[in-house]
Amino acid sequence: MTVLKKTIIPLGRPLFIPKEDNLTIDDLEIETAGAYQLIDRPDHIILKNDECCRSIEVTIHRKDKE
């Protein structure tokens, strides 16, 4: 798996993931230390910190194509 992003998302903030190389939500594997929301948009995917009172650490992998 390829690591797309490893970061800390502050409280209530979004992370924008561009849809490059035909990326879809199904291609993502997300490891996180808290609650989050995934929102699919035509040109990007939004991962939003959904915790009520803390930042979350996030690692986003792209699954290998079979």
PDB file of N, CA and C in Angstrom:
ATOM      1  N   MET A   1       0.835  -1.182   0.000  1.00  0.00           N
ATOM      2  CA  MET A   1       0.000   0.000   0.000  1.00  0.00           C
ATOM      3  C   MET A   1       0.880   1.246   0.000  1.00  0.00           C
ATOM      4  N   THR A   2       0.415   2.236  -0.692  1.00  0.00           N
ATOM      5  CA  THR A   2       1.118   3.500  -0.787  1.00  0.00           C
ATOM      6  C   THR A   2       0.547   4.478   0.236  1.00  0.00           C
ATOM      7  N   VAL A   3       1.426   5.135   0.990  1.00  0.00           N
ATOM      8  CA  VAL A   3       0.973   6.147   1.945  1.00  0.00           C
ATOM      9  C   VAL A   3       0.710   7.439   1.178  1.00  0.00           C
ATOM     10  N   LEU A   4      -0.530   7.917   1.222  1.00  0.00           N
ATOM     11  CA  LEU A   4      -0.885   9.174   0.569  1.00  0.00           C
ATOM     12  C   LEU A   4      -0.637  10.362   1.478  1.00  0.00           C
ATOM     13  N   LYS A   5      -0.932  10.188   2.759  1.00  0.00           N
ATOM     14  CA  LYS A   5      -0.812  11.310   3.692  1.00  0.00           C
ATOM     15  C   LYS A   5      -0.702  10.783   5.111  1.00  0.00           C
ATOM     16  N   LYS A   6       0.168  11.397   5.900  1.00  0.00           N
ATOM     17  CA  LYS A   6       0.265  11.112   7.333  1.00  0.00           C
ATOM     18  C   LYS A   6       0.347  12.466   8.012  1.00  0.00           C
ATOM     19  N   THR A   7      -0.672  12.773   8.828  1.00  0.00           N
ATOM     20  CA  THR A   7      -0.754  14.104   9.410  1.00  0.00           C
ATOM     21  C   THR A   7      -1.614  14.104  10.662  1.00  0.00           C
ATOM     22  N   ILE A   8      -1.675  15.239  11.309  1.00  0.00           N
ATOM     23  CA  ILE A   8      -2.582  15.461  12.438  1.00  0.00           C
ATOM     24  C   ILE A   8      -3.611  16.489  11.980  1.00  0.00           C
ATOM     25  N   ILE A   9      -4.884  16.154  12.155  1.00  0.00           N
ATOM     26  CA  ILE A   9      -5.964  17.054  11.759  1.00  0.00           C
ATOM     27  C   ILE A   9      -6.513  17.720  13.018  1.00  0.00           C
ATOM     28  N   PRO A  10      -6.413  19.049  13.095  1.00  0.00           N
ATOM     29  CA  PRO A  10      -6.931  19.763  14.261  1.00  0.00           C
ATOM     30  C   PRO A  10      -8.449  19.635  14.382  1.00  0.00           C
ATOM     31  N   LEU A  11      -8.940  19.963  15.525  1.00  0.00           N
ATOM     32  CA  LEU A  11     -10.365  19.893  15.857  1.00  0.00           C
ATOM     33  C   LEU A  11     -11.229  20.599  14.806  1.00  0.00           C
ATOM     34  N   GLY A  12     -12.188  19.870  14.241  1.00  0.00           N
ATOM     35  CA  GLY A  12     -13.146  20.431  13.308  1.00  0.00           C
ATOM     36  C   GLY A  12     -12.597  20.797  11.936  1.00  0.00           C
ATOM     37  N   ARG A  13     -11.349  20.446  11.630  1.00  0.00           N
ATOM     38  CA  ARG A  13     -10.733  20.839  10.361  1.00  0.00           C
ATOM     39  C   ARG A  13     -10.832  19.721   9.325  1.00  0.00           C
ATOM     40  N   PRO A  14     -10.912  20.091   8.049  1.00  0.00           N
ATOM     41  CA  PRO A  14     -10.938  19.087   6.989  1.00  0.00           C
ATOM     42  C   PRO A  14      -9.548  18.859   6.389  1.00  0.00           C
ATOM     43  N   LEU A  15      -9.381  17.702   5.780  1.00  0.00           N
ATOM     44  CA  LEU A  15      -8.192  17.376   4.983  1.00  0.00           C
ATOM     45  C   LEU A  15      -8.701  17.062   3.587  1.00  0.00           C
ATOM     46  N   PHE A  16      -8.177  17.754   2.587  1.00  0.00           N
ATOM     47  CA  PHE A  16      -8.614  17.557   1.209  1.00  0.00           C
ATOM     48  C   PHE A  16      -7.648  16.615   0.503  1.00  0.00           C
ATOM     49  N   ILE A  17      -8.196  15.553  -0.099  1.00  0.00           N
ATOM     50  CA  ILE A  17      -7.405  14.569  -0.825  1.00  0.00           C
ATOM     51  C   ILE A  17      -7.811  14.662  -2.298  1.00  0.00           C
ATOM     52  N   PRO A  18      -6.906  15.132  -3.171  1.00  0.00           N
ATOM     53  CA  PRO A  18      -7.266  15.251  -4.588  1.00  0.00           C
ATOM     54  C   PRO A  18      -7.520  13.881  -5.217  1.00  0.00           C
ATOM     55  N   LYS A  19      -8.477  13.836  -6.122  1.00  0.00           N
ATOM     56  CA  LYS A  19      -8.801  12.589  -6.834  1.00  0.00           C
ATOM     57  C   LYS A  19      -7.908  12.492  -8.077  1.00  0.00           C
ATOM     58  N   GLU A  20      -6.663  12.105  -7.846  1.00  0.00           N
ATOM     59  CA  GLU A  20      -5.714  11.927  -8.931  1.00  0.00           C
ATOM     60  C   GLU A  20      -5.596  10.451  -9.264  1.00  0.00           C
ATOM     61  N   ASP A  21      -5.317  10.134 -10.505  1.00  0.00           N
ATOM     62  CA  ASP A  21      -5.147   8.747 -10.957  1.00  0.00           C
ATOM     63  C   ASP A  21      -6.377   7.898 -10.651  1.00  0.00           C
ATOM     64  N   ASN A  22      -7.571   8.445 -10.888  1.00  0.00           N
ATOM     65  CA  ASN A  22      -8.841   7.730 -10.692  1.00  0.00           C
ATOM     66  C   ASN A  22      -9.050   7.249  -9.260  1.00  0.00           C
ATOM     67  N   LEU A  23      -8.614   8.006  -8.298  1.00  0.00           N
ATOM     68  CA  LEU A  23      -8.772   7.672  -6.877  1.00  0.00           C
ATOM     69  C   LEU A  23     -10.247   7.733  -6.483  1.00  0.00           C
ATOM     70  N   THR A  24     -10.695   6.734  -5.710  1.00  0.00           N
ATOM     71  CA  THR A  24     -12.058   6.714  -5.173  1.00  0.00           C
ATOM     72  C   THR A  24     -11.994   6.460  -3.671  1.00  0.00           C
ATOM     73  N   ILE A  25     -13.119   6.648  -2.998  1.00  0.00           N
ATOM     74  CA  ILE A  25     -13.176   6.362  -1.553  1.00  0.00           C
ATOM     75  C   ILE A  25     -12.847   4.894  -1.282  1.00  0.00           C
ATOM     76  N   ASP A  26     -13.265   4.006  -2.174  1.00  0.00           N
ATOM     77  CA  ASP A  26     -13.009   2.579  -1.985  1.00  0.00           C
ATOM     78  C   ASP A  26     -11.527   2.229  -2.062  1.00  0.00           C
ATOM     79  N   ASP A  27     -10.719   3.097  -2.667  1.00  0.00           N
ATOM     80  CA  ASP A  27      -9.278   2.866  -2.775  1.00  0.00           C
ATOM     81  C   ASP A  27      -8.533   3.232  -1.495  1.00  0.00           C
ATOM     82  N   LEU A  28      -9.197   3.908  -0.567  1.00  0.00           N
ATOM     83  CA  LEU A  28      -8.530   4.398   0.635  1.00  0.00           C
ATOM     84  C   LEU A  28      -8.640   3.430   1.804  1.00  0.00           C
ATOM     85  N   GLU A  29      -7.569   3.336   2.535  1.00  0.00           N
ATOM     86  CA  GLU A  29      -7.570   2.644   3.826  1.00  0.00           C
ATOM     87  C   GLU A  29      -7.077   3.669   4.841  1.00  0.00           C
ATOM     88  N   ILE A  30      -7.912   3.947   5.831  1.00  0.00           N
ATOM     89  CA  ILE A  30      -7.634   5.037   6.760  1.00  0.00           C
ATOM     90  C   ILE A  30      -7.391   4.493   8.157  1.00  0.00           C
ATOM     91  N   GLU A  31      -6.238   4.869   8.731  1.00  0.00           N
ATOM     92  CA  GLU A  31      -5.913   4.552  10.121  1.00  0.00           C
ATOM     93  C   GLU A  31      -5.993   5.868  10.884  1.00  0.00           C
ATOM     94  N   THR A  32      -6.760   5.885  11.952  1.00  0.00           N
ATOM     95  CA  THR A  32      -6.930   7.130  12.690  1.00  0.00           C
ATOM     96  C   THR A  32      -7.085   6.867  14.187  1.00  0.00           C
ATOM     97  N   ALA A  33      -6.789   7.897  14.956  1.00  0.00           N
ATOM     98  CA  ALA A  33      -6.898   7.815  16.406  1.00  0.00           C
ATOM     99  C   ALA A  33      -8.145   8.541  16.884  1.00  0.00           C
ATOM    100  N   GLY A  34      -9.209   8.524  16.093  1.00  0.00           N
ATOM    101  CA  GLY A  34     -10.427   9.202  16.494  1.00  0.00           C
ATOM    102  C   GLY A  34     -11.502   9.120  15.423  1.00  0.00           C
ATOM    103  N   ALA A  35     -12.613   9.780  15.687  1.00  0.00           N
ATOM    104  CA  ALA A  35     -13.751   9.764  14.765  1.00  0.00           C
ATOM    105  C   ALA A  35     -13.522  10.745  13.616  1.00  0.00           C
ATOM    106  N   TYR A  36     -14.035  10.368  12.451  1.00  0.00           N
ATOM    107  CA  TYR A  36     -13.905  11.227  11.275  1.00  0.00           C
ATOM    108  C   TYR A  36     -15.096  11.026  10.344  1.00  0.00           C
ATOM    109  N   GLN A  37     -15.262  11.962   9.410  1.00  0.00           N
ATOM    110  CA  GLN A  37     -16.278  11.864   8.365  1.00  0.00           C
ATOM    111  C   GLN A  37     -15.561  11.849   7.026  1.00  0.00           C
ATOM    112  N   LEU A  38     -16.065  11.048   6.085  1.00  0.00           N
ATOM    113  CA  LEU A  38     -15.569  11.056   4.713  1.00  0.00           C
ATOM    114  C   LEU A  38     -16.644  11.644   3.819  1.00  0.00           C
ATOM    115  N   ILE A  39     -16.266  12.616   3.010  1.00  0.00           N
ATOM    116  CA  ILE A  39     -17.207  13.273   2.103  1.00  0.00           C
ATOM    117  C   ILE A  39     -16.638  13.183   0.698  1.00  0.00           C
ATOM    118  N   ASP A  40     -17.424  12.624  -0.231  1.00  0.00           N
ATOM    119  CA  ASP A  40     -16.987  12.451  -1.610  1.00  0.00           C
ATOM    120  C   ASP A  40     -17.457  13.639  -2.449  1.00  0.00           C
ATOM    121  N   ARG A  41     -16.520  14.322  -3.087  1.00  0.00           N
ATOM    122  CA  ARG A  41     -16.806  15.437  -3.984  1.00  0.00           C
ATOM    123  C   ARG A  41     -16.290  15.059  -5.380  1.00  0.00           C
ATOM    124  N   PRO A  42     -16.747  15.742  -6.421  1.00  0.00           N
ATOM    125  CA  PRO A  42     -16.322  15.384  -7.781  1.00  0.00           C
ATOM    126  C   PRO A  42     -14.812  15.437  -8.014  1.00  0.00           C
ATOM    127  N   ASP A  43     -14.111  16.409  -7.415  1.00  0.00           N
ATOM    128  CA  ASP A  43     -12.677  16.533  -7.682  1.00  0.00           C
ATOM    129  C   ASP A  43     -11.774  16.229  -6.487  1.00  0.00           C
ATOM    130  N   HIS A  44     -12.359  15.938  -5.317  1.00  0.00           N
ATOM    131  CA  HIS A  44     -11.559  15.595  -4.147  1.00  0.00           C
ATOM    132  C   HIS A  44     -12.406  14.842  -3.110  1.00  0.00           C
ATOM    133  N   ILE A  45     -11.706  14.253  -2.157  1.00  0.00           N
ATOM    134  CA  ILE A  45     -12.342  13.572  -1.027  1.00  0.00           C
ATOM    135  C   ILE A  45     -11.979  14.388   0.214  1.00  0.00           C
ATOM    136  N   ILE A  46     -12.950  14.605   1.072  1.00  0.00           N
ATOM    137  CA  ILE A  46     -12.714  15.370   2.292  1.00  0.00           C
ATOM    138  C   ILE A  46     -12.758  14.416   3.483  1.00  0.00           C
ATOM    139  N   LEU A  47     -11.720  14.452   4.286  1.00  0.00           N
ATOM    140  CA  LEU A  47     -11.698  13.714   5.547  1.00  0.00           C
ATOM    141  C   LEU A  47     -11.748  14.773   6.637  1.00  0.00           C
ATOM    142  N   LYS A  48     -12.817  14.757   7.422  1.00  0.00           N
ATOM    143  CA  LYS A  48     -13.020  15.797   8.438  1.00  0.00           C
ATOM    144  C   LYS A  48     -12.908  15.203   9.834  1.00  0.00           C
ATOM    145  N   ASN A  49     -12.183  15.875  10.687  1.00  0.00           N
ATOM    146  CA  ASN A  49     -12.081  15.498  12.093  1.00  0.00           C
ATOM    147  C   ASN A  49     -13.464  15.643  12.721  1.00  0.00           C
ATOM    148  N   ASP A  50     -14.006  14.562  13.251  1.00  0.00           N
ATOM    149  CA  ASP A  50     -15.345  14.575  13.834  1.00  0.00           C
ATOM    150  C   ASP A  50     -15.308  14.399  15.356  1.00  0.00           C
ATOM    151  N   GLU A  51     -14.121  14.549  15.926  1.00  0.00           N
ATOM    152  CA  GLU A  51     -14.002  14.480  17.387  1.00  0.00           C
ATOM    153  C   GLU A  51     -14.547  15.766  17.993  1.00  0.00           C
ATOM    154  N   CYS A  52     -15.046  15.670  19.212  1.00  0.00           N
ATOM    155  CA  CYS A  52     -15.650  16.852  19.837  1.00  0.00           C
ATOM    156  C   CYS A  52     -14.621  17.772  20.486  1.00  0.00           C
ATOM    157  N   CYS A  53     -13.455  17.248  20.868  1.00  0.00           N
ATOM    158  CA  CYS A  53     -12.575  18.117  21.648  1.00  0.00           C
ATOM    159  C   CYS A  53     -11.081  17.808  21.517  1.00  0.00           C
ATOM    160  N   ARG A  54     -10.658  17.188  20.387  1.00  0.00           N
ATOM    161  CA  ARG A  54      -9.223  16.928  20.257  1.00  0.00           C
ATOM    162  C   ARG A  54      -8.832  16.739  18.785  1.00  0.00           C
ATOM    163  N   SER A  55      -7.547  16.892  18.532  1.00  0.00           N
ATOM    164  CA  SER A  55      -7.006  16.621  17.210  1.00  0.00           C
ATOM    165  C   SER A  55      -6.861  15.109  17.042  1.00  0.00           C
ATOM    166  N   ILE A  56      -6.802  14.652  15.782  1.00  0.00           N
ATOM    167  CA  ILE A  56      -6.612  13.228  15.533  1.00  0.00           C
ATOM    168  C   ILE A  56      -5.425  13.026  14.592  1.00  0.00           C
ATOM    169  N   GLU A  57      -4.704  11.940  14.827  1.00  0.00           N
ATOM    170  CA  GLU A  57      -3.615  11.552  13.938  1.00  0.00           C
ATOM    171  C   GLU A  57      -4.187  10.634  12.869  1.00  0.00           C
ATOM    172  N   VAL A  58      -3.833  10.883  11.610  1.00  0.00           N
ATOM    173  CA  VAL A  58      -4.404  10.145  10.498  1.00  0.00           C
ATOM    174  C   VAL A  58      -3.297   9.679   9.553  1.00  0.00           C
ATOM    175  N   THR A  59      -3.395   8.424   9.129  1.00  0.00           N
ATOM    176  CA  THR A  59      -2.547   7.896   8.062  1.00  0.00           C
ATOM    177  C   THR A  59      -3.477   7.351   6.997  1.00  0.00           C
ATOM    178  N   ILE A  60      -3.301   7.838   5.765  1.00  0.00           N
ATOM    179  CA  ILE A  60      -4.154   7.421   4.659  1.00  0.00           C
ATOM    180  C   ILE A  60      -3.305   6.642   3.660  1.00  0.00           C
ATOM    181  N   HIS A  61      -3.734   5.409   3.388  1.00  0.00           N
ATOM    182  CA  HIS A  61      -3.058   4.536   2.425  1.00  0.00           C
ATOM    183  C   HIS A  61      -3.944   4.368   1.206  1.00  0.00           C
ATOM    184  N   ARG A  62      -3.309   4.173   0.054  1.00  0.00           N
ATOM    185  CA  ARG A  62      -4.044   3.784  -1.137  1.00  0.00           C
ATOM    186  C   ARG A  62      -3.823   2.296  -1.335  1.00  0.00           C
ATOM    187  N   LYS A  63      -4.929   1.549  -1.429  1.00  0.00           N
ATOM    188  CA  LYS A  63      -4.847   0.111  -1.614  1.00  0.00           C
ATOM    189  C   LYS A  63      -4.186  -0.191  -2.952  1.00  0.00           C
ATOM    190  N   ASP A  64      -3.418  -1.269  -2.983  1.00  0.00           N
ATOM    191  CA  ASP A  64      -2.774  -1.693  -4.223  1.00  0.00           C
ATOM    192  C   ASP A  64      -3.820  -2.243  -5.182  1.00  0.00           C
ATOM    193  N   LYS A  65      -3.613  -1.975  -6.458  1.00  0.00           N
ATOM    194  CA  LYS A  65      -4.523  -2.514  -7.479  1.00  0.00           C
ATOM    195  C   LYS A  65      -4.184  -3.974  -7.705  1.00  0.00           C
ATOM    196  N   GLU A  66      -5.197  -4.768  -7.864  1.00  0.00           N
ATOM    197  CA  GLU A  66      -4.993  -6.219  -8.047  1.00  0.00           C
ATOM    198  C   GLU A  66      -4.887  -6.570  -9.497  1.00  0.00           C
TER     199      GLU A  66
END
